[in-house]
């Protein structure tokens, strides 16, 4: 049974989910792209796949280190299955990198709970989100998480509320210097960043995306009620962390809704917080058969999509 296999955290689980991602990644590149696979292109694809796998490790670290789930591998299983369900994520290198930067930021934001080196964690979070913003403008909405964390963890030192702007300024200066060194027109580069808002979902009107997005959002709506109720049972020191995960999910959904370039790849920002929410939900389910159904649906949907 799959639910029993992933009920404990073991190194073999990383091998399994990495293999799953590799198969999905290769199939997506073969059937959905027309790339000329020379040596440089192959190396680029290997690096992109490395970003996918590394994102799993970072996600597992931030979840385990901050006790956002129990000691199991459900979270990385859900994360990888969501990516496989929405293979468009493999086709957008900018969003893959942006999501990795957001995971770095989440790790620093949630760890503010310990109240150690708060200023450094706030700066790092703002720095990583700023890098993600250069790749995908609406990733800037995750700045909200920094100030929400300062509020929820009752950080009163005014300096820590100013530090995020220093992190933003640092990235701005570095990016301008890089553009100047590469003889790139700075004004033209920044003017080309797509800051538009679009509610046109016609680009998502394919059977595969409709089916996958419906399942993903249905899981979110179903599990979030149990997740919110479960927060009440958490200790006072951990409640803010769980609330931040929920806020991250809501921000990700907002990005999906307003993103001007809708391809399905923008769902990637939702996968990490939703995986934590789903892992928390599946941990409280006593019926093993129901756990199996929830997981098997996520496994079968990509297979069904291939046949449609």
Foldseek 3Di string as FASTA:
>chain_A
DVCVVFFADDPVVLVVLLVVLVVLLVVCCVPVHDDDDDPVVVVVLVVLSVLVSVLLVLLVCLCVVLVLFPRGRLLSLLLSLLCSLQVVLSVQSLLSQLLSLQSQLLSLLLVCLVVPPLLVSLLSNLLSLLSSCLSAVLSVLCNVLNVLSCVLSVVDPVVSVCNSVVSNVVNVVVVVVVCVVVVHDPVVSVVPHDPFWDQDCPLQPDPSSVLSVVLLVVLCVVLVVVLVVVLVVDDSSSSSSSVSLVVQLVSLVVCQRTPPDHNSSSNSSNSSSSSSSNSRRLVPDPDPVVVVVSSVVSVCSSVVVVVD
